[in-house]
Amino acid sequence: MELERLRPTVLRGTFHAYELAALTAAARYVVESSPADVPEESIGQLTHLLADYDEQVRKLSAPGT
C-alpha cells in the first residue's frame, strides 16, 4: 500500500487488489453486523463509501474500459 497526500484533505492510495479487498471486506462486515459500539454516523459513512466503491467497480467492469 502506498499513500500520497495531494492536498491537506485529499489522499491518493495505491493498493494491491488483496489489500483493497481486505479493507472492503472489513467495511462490509462492520456495516452488516453493525456492532453496538460503532456510531450510526460511522455506519452511514461506510455505507456511502461502499456504494461509491461498488459503482467504481461496475465502471471498471463495463465493456470498453
PDB file of N, CA and C in Angstrom:
ATOM      1  N   MET A   1       0.852  -1.153   0.000  1.00  0.00           N
ATOM      2  CA  MET A   1       0.000   0.000   0.000  1.00  0.00           C
ATOM      3  C   MET A   1       0.905   1.225   0.000  1.00  0.00           C
ATOM      4  N   GLU A   2       0.482   2.211  -0.749  1.00  0.00           N
ATOM      5  CA  GLU A   2       1.209   3.483  -0.780  1.00  0.00           C
ATOM      6  C   GLU A   2       0.192   4.612  -0.720  1.00  0.00           C
ATOM      7  N   LEU A   3       0.435   5.586   0.143  1.00  0.00           N
ATOM      8  CA  LEU A   3      -0.434   6.741   0.253  1.00  0.00           C
ATOM      9  C   LEU A   3       0.358   7.992  -0.091  1.00  0.00           C
ATOM     10  N   GLU A   4      -0.299   8.901  -0.786  1.00  0.00           N
ATOM     11  CA  GLU A   4       0.319  10.161  -1.197  1.00  0.00           C
ATOM     12  C   GLU A   4      -0.654  11.288  -0.846  1.00  0.00           C
ATOM     13  N   ARG A   5      -0.163  12.323  -0.186  1.00  0.00           N
ATOM     14  CA  ARG A   5      -1.006  13.470   0.154  1.00  0.00           C
ATOM     15  C   ARG A   5      -0.967  14.455  -1.007  1.00  0.00           C
ATOM     16  N   LEU A   6      -2.136  14.673  -1.621  1.00  0.00           N
ATOM     17  CA  LEU A   6      -2.234  15.622  -2.724  1.00  0.00           C
ATOM     18  C   LEU A   6      -2.534  17.028  -2.206  1.00  0.00           C
ATOM     19  N   ARG A   7      -3.411  17.094  -1.228  1.00  0.00           N
ATOM     20  CA  ARG A   7      -3.792  18.332  -0.539  1.00  0.00           C
ATOM     21  C   ARG A   7      -4.054  17.948   0.913  1.00  0.00           C
ATOM     22  N   PRO A   8      -4.230  18.919   1.794  1.00  0.00           N
ATOM     23  CA  PRO A   8      -4.405  18.564   3.213  1.00  0.00           C
ATOM     24  C   PRO A   8      -5.487  17.510   3.479  1.00  0.00           C
ATOM     25  N   THR A   9      -6.578  17.546   2.737  1.00  0.00           N
ATOM     26  CA  THR A   9      -7.648  16.579   2.998  1.00  0.00           C
ATOM     27  C   THR A   9      -7.884  15.614   1.843  1.00  0.00           C
ATOM     28  N   VAL A  10      -6.936  15.551   0.903  1.00  0.00           N
ATOM     29  CA  VAL A  10      -7.070  14.653  -0.248  1.00  0.00           C
ATOM     30  C   VAL A  10      -5.843  13.755  -0.318  1.00  0.00           C
ATOM     31  N   LEU A  11      -6.097  12.435  -0.283  1.00  0.00           N
ATOM     32  CA  LEU A  11      -5.027  11.449  -0.389  1.00  0.00           C
ATOM     33  C   LEU A  11      -5.242  10.594  -1.626  1.00  0.00           C
ATOM     34  N   ARG A  12      -4.169  10.087  -2.168  1.00  0.00           N
ATOM     35  CA  ARG A  12      -4.242   9.109  -3.265  1.00  0.00           C
ATOM     36  C   ARG A  12      -3.630   7.823  -2.733  1.00  0.00           C
ATOM     37  N   GLY A  13      -4.351   6.731  -2.893  1.00  0.00           N
ATOM     38  CA  GLY A  13      -3.866   5.444  -2.429  1.00  0.00           C
ATOM     39  C   GLY A  13      -3.631   4.491  -3.586  1.00  0.00           C
ATOM     40  N   THR A  14      -2.544   3.747  -3.497  1.00  0.00           N
ATOM     41  CA  THR A  14      -2.247   2.686  -4.452  1.00  0.00           C
ATOM     42  C   THR A  14      -2.210   1.383  -3.662  1.00  0.00           C
ATOM     43  N   PHE A  15      -3.081   0.450  -4.045  1.00  0.00           N
ATOM     44  CA  PHE A  15      -3.229  -0.793  -3.304  1.00  0.00           C
ATOM     45  C   PHE A  15      -3.071  -1.989  -4.224  1.00  0.00           C
ATOM     46  N   HIS A  16      -2.586  -3.101  -3.671  1.00  0.00           N
ATOM     47  CA  HIS A  16      -2.708  -4.378  -4.359  1.00  0.00           C
ATOM     48  C   HIS A  16      -4.171  -4.778  -4.222  1.00  0.00           C
ATOM     49  N   ALA A  17      -4.648  -5.567  -5.145  1.00  0.00           N
ATOM     50  CA  ALA A  17      -6.055  -5.966  -5.119  1.00  0.00           C
ATOM     51  C   ALA A  17      -6.426  -6.629  -3.792  1.00  0.00           C
ATOM     52  N   TYR A  18      -5.544  -7.465  -3.251  1.00  0.00           N
ATOM     53  CA  TYR A  18      -5.874  -8.154  -1.999  1.00  0.00           C
ATOM     54  C   TYR A  18      -5.938  -7.175  -0.819  1.00  0.00           C
ATOM     55  N   GLU A  19      -5.146  -6.114  -0.848  1.00  0.00           N
ATOM     56  CA  GLU A  19      -5.200  -5.115   0.225  1.00  0.00           C
ATOM     57  C   GLU A  19      -6.536  -4.373   0.191  1.00  0.00           C
ATOM     58  N   LEU A  20      -6.945  -3.970  -0.997  1.00  0.00           N
ATOM     59  CA  LEU A  20      -8.220  -3.281  -1.133  1.00  0.00           C
ATOM     60  C   LEU A  20      -9.379  -4.216  -0.788  1.00  0.00           C
ATOM     61  N   ALA A  21      -9.260  -5.478  -1.176  1.00  0.00           N
ATOM     62  CA  ALA A  21     -10.300  -6.462  -0.849  1.00  0.00           C
ATOM     63  C   ALA A  21     -10.426  -6.635   0.667  1.00  0.00           C
ATOM     64  N   ALA A  22      -9.307  -6.649   1.375  1.00  0.00           N
ATOM     65  CA  ALA A  22      -9.349  -6.799   2.833  1.00  0.00           C
ATOM     66  C   ALA A  22     -10.011  -5.592   3.488  1.00  0.00           C
ATOM     67  N   LEU A  23      -9.676  -4.395   3.041  1.00  0.00           N
ATOM     68  CA  LEU A  23     -10.299  -3.190   3.595  1.00  0.00           C
ATOM     69  C   LEU A  23     -11.792  -3.146   3.302  1.00  0.00           C
ATOM     70  N   THR A  24     -12.157  -3.523   2.087  1.00  0.00           N
ATOM     71  CA  THR A  24     -13.564  -3.522   1.697  1.00  0.00           C
ATOM     72  C   THR A  24     -14.343  -4.566   2.491  1.00  0.00           C
ATOM     73  N   ALA A  25     -13.774  -5.734   2.657  1.00  0.00           N
ATOM     74  CA  ALA A  25     -14.438  -6.791   3.429  1.00  0.00           C
ATOM     75  C   ALA A  25     -14.645  -6.358   4.875  1.00  0.00           C
ATOM     76  N   ALA A  26     -13.657  -5.697   5.453  1.00  0.00           N
ATOM     77  CA  ALA A  26     -13.791  -5.222   6.830  1.00  0.00           C
ATOM     78  C   ALA A  26     -14.907  -4.181   6.939  1.00  0.00           C
ATOM     79  N   ALA A  27     -14.969  -3.272   5.981  1.00  0.00           N
ATOM     80  CA  ALA A  27     -16.027  -2.250   5.989  1.00  0.00           C
ATOM     81  C   ALA A  27     -17.396  -2.902   5.849  1.00  0.00           C
ATOM     82  N   ARG A  28     -17.519  -3.880   4.939  1.00  0.00           N
ATOM     83  CA  ARG A  28     -18.801  -4.572   4.766  1.00  0.00           C
ATOM     84  C   ARG A  28     -19.201  -5.320   6.042  1.00  0.00           C
ATOM     85  N   TYR A  29     -18.245  -5.921   6.703  1.00  0.00           N
ATOM     86  CA  TYR A  29     -18.524  -6.633   7.954  1.00  0.00           C
ATOM     87  C   TYR A  29     -19.107  -5.673   8.991  1.00  0.00           C
ATOM     88  N   VAL A  30     -18.489  -4.518   9.143  1.00  0.00           N
ATOM     89  CA  VAL A  30     -18.967  -3.550  10.130  1.00  0.00           C
ATOM     90  C   VAL A  30     -20.374  -3.075   9.776  1.00  0.00           C
ATOM     91  N   VAL A  31     -20.614  -2.780   8.496  1.00  0.00           N
ATOM     92  CA  VAL A  31     -21.936  -2.303   8.079  1.00  0.00           C
ATOM     93  C   VAL A  31     -22.990  -3.387   8.299  1.00  0.00           C
ATOM     94  N   GLU A  32     -22.667  -4.618   7.936  1.00  0.00           N
ATOM     95  CA  GLU A  32     -23.658  -5.699   8.014  1.00  0.00           C
ATOM     96  C   GLU A  32     -23.905  -6.172   9.445  1.00  0.00           C
ATOM     97  N   SER A  33     -22.876  -6.141  10.288  1.00  0.00           N
ATOM     98  CA  SER A  33     -23.067  -6.620  11.656  1.00  0.00           C
ATOM     99  C   SER A  33     -23.430  -5.483  12.606  1.00  0.00           C
ATOM    100  N   SER A  34     -23.151  -4.253  12.212  1.00  0.00           N
ATOM    101  CA  SER A  34     -23.453  -3.046  12.993  1.00  0.00           C
ATOM    102  C   SER A  34     -23.229  -3.236  14.492  1.00  0.00           C
ATOM    103  N   PRO A  35     -21.964  -3.423  14.899  1.00  0.00           N
ATOM    104  CA  PRO A  35     -21.695  -3.557  16.334  1.00  0.00           C
ATOM    105  C   PRO A  35     -22.247  -2.349  17.095  1.00  0.00           C
ATOM    106  N   ALA A  36     -22.718  -2.587  18.311  1.00  0.00           N
ATOM    107  CA  ALA A  36     -23.365  -1.533  19.104  1.00  0.00           C
ATOM    108  C   ALA A  36     -22.440  -0.365  19.415  1.00  0.00           C
ATOM    109  N   ASP A  37     -21.124  -0.619  19.474  1.00  0.00           N
ATOM    110  CA  ASP A  37     -20.196   0.449  19.832  1.00  0.00           C
ATOM    111  C   ASP A  37     -19.772   1.317  18.642  1.00  0.00           C
ATOM    112  N   VAL A  38     -20.293   1.020  17.450  1.00  0.00           N
ATOM    113  CA  VAL A  38     -19.976   1.831  16.267  1.00  0.00           C
ATOM    114  C   VAL A  38     -21.096   2.849  16.076  1.00  0.00           C
ATOM    115  N   PRO A  39     -20.753   4.139  16.086  1.00  0.00           N
ATOM    116  CA  PRO A  39     -21.787   5.170  15.936  1.00  0.00           C
ATOM    117  C   PRO A  39     -22.545   5.049  14.618  1.00  0.00           C
ATOM    118  N   GLU A  40     -23.829   5.374  14.651  1.00  0.00           N
ATOM    119  CA  GLU A  40     -24.683   5.292  13.456  1.00  0.00           C
ATOM    120  C   GLU A  40     -24.135   6.156  12.319  1.00  0.00           C
ATOM    121  N   GLU A  41     -23.554   7.301  12.658  1.00  0.00           N
ATOM    122  CA  GLU A  41     -22.961   8.171  11.630  1.00  0.00           C
ATOM    123  C   GLU A  41     -21.822   7.459  10.901  1.00  0.00           C
ATOM    124  N   SER A  42     -21.034   6.708  11.634  1.00  0.00           N
ATOM    125  CA  SER A  42     -19.929   5.959  11.014  1.00  0.00           C
ATOM    126  C   SER A  42     -20.462   4.867  10.096  1.00  0.00           C
ATOM    127  N   ILE A  43     -21.529   4.194  10.513  1.00  0.00           N
ATOM    128  CA  ILE A  43     -22.154   3.167   9.674  1.00  0.00           C
ATOM    129  C   ILE A  43     -22.654   3.809   8.378  1.00  0.00           C
ATOM    130  N   GLY A  44     -23.266   4.985   8.492  1.00  0.00           N
ATOM    131  CA  GLY A  44     -23.746   5.699   7.308  1.00  0.00           C
ATOM    132  C   GLY A  44     -22.612   6.083   6.375  1.00  0.00           C
ATOM    133  N   GLN A  45     -21.502   6.551   6.933  1.00  0.00           N
ATOM    134  CA  GLN A  45     -20.355   6.925   6.107  1.00  0.00           C
ATOM    135  C   GLN A  45     -19.783   5.712   5.392  1.00  0.00           C
ATOM    136  N   LEU A  46     -19.665   4.591   6.107  1.00  0.00           N
ATOM    137  CA  LEU A  46     -19.165   3.369   5.477  1.00  0.00           C
ATOM    138  C   LEU A  46     -20.118   2.870   4.396  1.00  0.00           C
ATOM    139  N   THR A  47     -21.420   2.958   4.640  1.00  0.00           N
ATOM    140  CA  THR A  47     -22.409   2.544   3.648  1.00  0.00           C
ATOM    141  C   THR A  47     -22.257   3.367   2.372  1.00  0.00           C
ATOM    142  N   HIS A  48     -22.087   4.662   2.525  1.00  0.00           N
ATOM    143  CA  HIS A  48     -21.897   5.553   1.373  1.00  0.00           C
ATOM    144  C   HIS A  48     -20.590   5.230   0.644  1.00  0.00           C
ATOM    145  N   LEU A  49     -19.529   5.023   1.406  1.00  0.00           N
ATOM    146  CA  LEU A  49     -18.236   4.686   0.820  1.00  0.00           C
ATOM    147  C   LEU A  49     -18.321   3.387   0.020  1.00  0.00           C
ATOM    148  N   LEU A  50     -19.001   2.382   0.567  1.00  0.00           N
ATOM    149  CA  LEU A  50     -19.139   1.102  -0.130  1.00  0.00           C
ATOM    150  C   LEU A  50     -19.982   1.235  -1.398  1.00  0.00           C
ATOM    151  N   ALA A  51     -20.998   2.078  -1.357  1.00  0.00           N
ATOM    152  CA  ALA A  51     -21.805   2.313  -2.558  1.00  0.00           C
ATOM    153  C   ALA A  51     -20.948   2.966  -3.644  1.00  0.00           C
ATOM    154  N   ASP A  52     -20.117   3.932  -3.260  1.00  0.00           N
ATOM    155  CA  ASP A  52     -19.212   4.567  -4.223  1.00  0.00           C
ATOM    156  C   ASP A  52     -18.218   3.554  -4.783  1.00  0.00           C
ATOM    157  N   TYR A  53     -17.676   2.710  -3.899  1.00  0.00           N
ATOM    158  CA  TYR A  53     -16.741   1.673  -4.325  1.00  0.00           C
ATOM    159  C   TYR A  53     -17.402   0.730  -5.336  1.00  0.00           C
ATOM    160  N   ASP A  54     -18.607   0.265  -5.012  1.00  0.00           N
ATOM    161  CA  ASP A  54     -19.317  -0.651  -5.906  1.00  0.00           C
ATOM    162  C   ASP A  54     -19.563  -0.014  -7.269  1.00  0.00           C
ATOM    163  N   GLU A  55     -19.891   1.276  -7.291  1.00  0.00           N
ATOM    164  CA  GLU A  55     -20.109   1.987  -8.554  1.00  0.00           C
ATOM    165  C   GLU A  55     -18.818   2.045  -9.371  1.00  0.00           C
ATOM    166  N   GLN A  56     -17.711   2.313  -8.719  1.00  0.00           N
ATOM    167  CA  GLN A  56     -16.428   2.369  -9.427  1.00  0.00           C
ATOM    168  C   GLN A  56     -16.036   0.996  -9.975  1.00  0.00           C
ATOM    169  N   VAL A  57     -16.321  -0.058  -9.229  1.00  0.00           N
ATOM    170  CA  VAL A  57     -16.028  -1.416  -9.709  1.00  0.00           C
ATOM    171  C   VAL A  57     -16.885  -1.731 -10.936  1.00  0.00           C
ATOM    172  N   ARG A  58     -18.152  -1.307 -10.917  1.00  0.00           N
ATOM    173  CA  ARG A  58     -19.015  -1.517 -12.089  1.00  0.00           C
ATOM    174  C   ARG A  58     -18.449  -0.797 -13.303  1.00  0.00           C
ATOM    175  N   LYS A  59     -17.949   0.413 -13.111  1.00  0.00           N
ATOM    176  CA  LYS A  59     -17.354   1.173 -14.224  1.00  0.00           C
ATOM    177  C   LYS A  59     -16.128   0.452 -14.773  1.00  0.00           C
ATOM    178  N   LEU A  60     -15.312  -0.113 -13.885  1.00  0.00           N
ATOM    179  CA  LEU A  60     -14.128  -0.847 -14.335  1.00  0.00           C
ATOM    180  C   LEU A  60     -14.510  -2.092 -15.130  1.00  0.00           C
ATOM    181  N   SER A  61     -15.637  -2.681 -14.761  1.00  0.00           N
ATOM    182  CA  SER A  61     -16.078  -3.921 -15.399  1.00  0.00           C
ATOM    183  C   SER A  61     -16.867  -3.681 -16.680  1.00  0.00           C
ATOM    184  N   ALA A  62     -17.226  -2.432 -16.947  1.00  0.00           N
ATOM    185  CA  ALA A  62     -18.039  -2.123 -18.122  1.00  0.00           C
ATOM    186  C   ALA A  62     -17.228  -2.334 -19.405  1.00  0.00           C
ATOM    187  N   PRO A  63     -17.882  -2.817 -20.456  1.00  0.00           N
ATOM    188  CA  PRO A  63     -17.178  -3.008 -21.727  1.00  0.00           C
ATOM    189  C   PRO A  63     -16.590  -1.680 -22.214  1.00  0.00           C
ATOM    190  N   GLY A  64     -15.397  -1.777 -22.790  1.00  0.00           N
ATOM    191  CA  GLY A  64     -14.760  -0.599 -23.359  1.00  0.00           C
ATOM    192  C   GLY A  64     -13.951   0.210 -22.362  1.00  0.00           C
ATOM    193  N   THR A  65     -13.805  -0.306 -21.125  1.00  0.00           N
ATOM    194  CA  THR A  65     -12.989   0.423 -20.146  1.00  0.00           C
ATOM    195  C   THR A  65     -11.781  -0.362 -19.742  1.00  0.00           C
TER     196      THR A  65
END
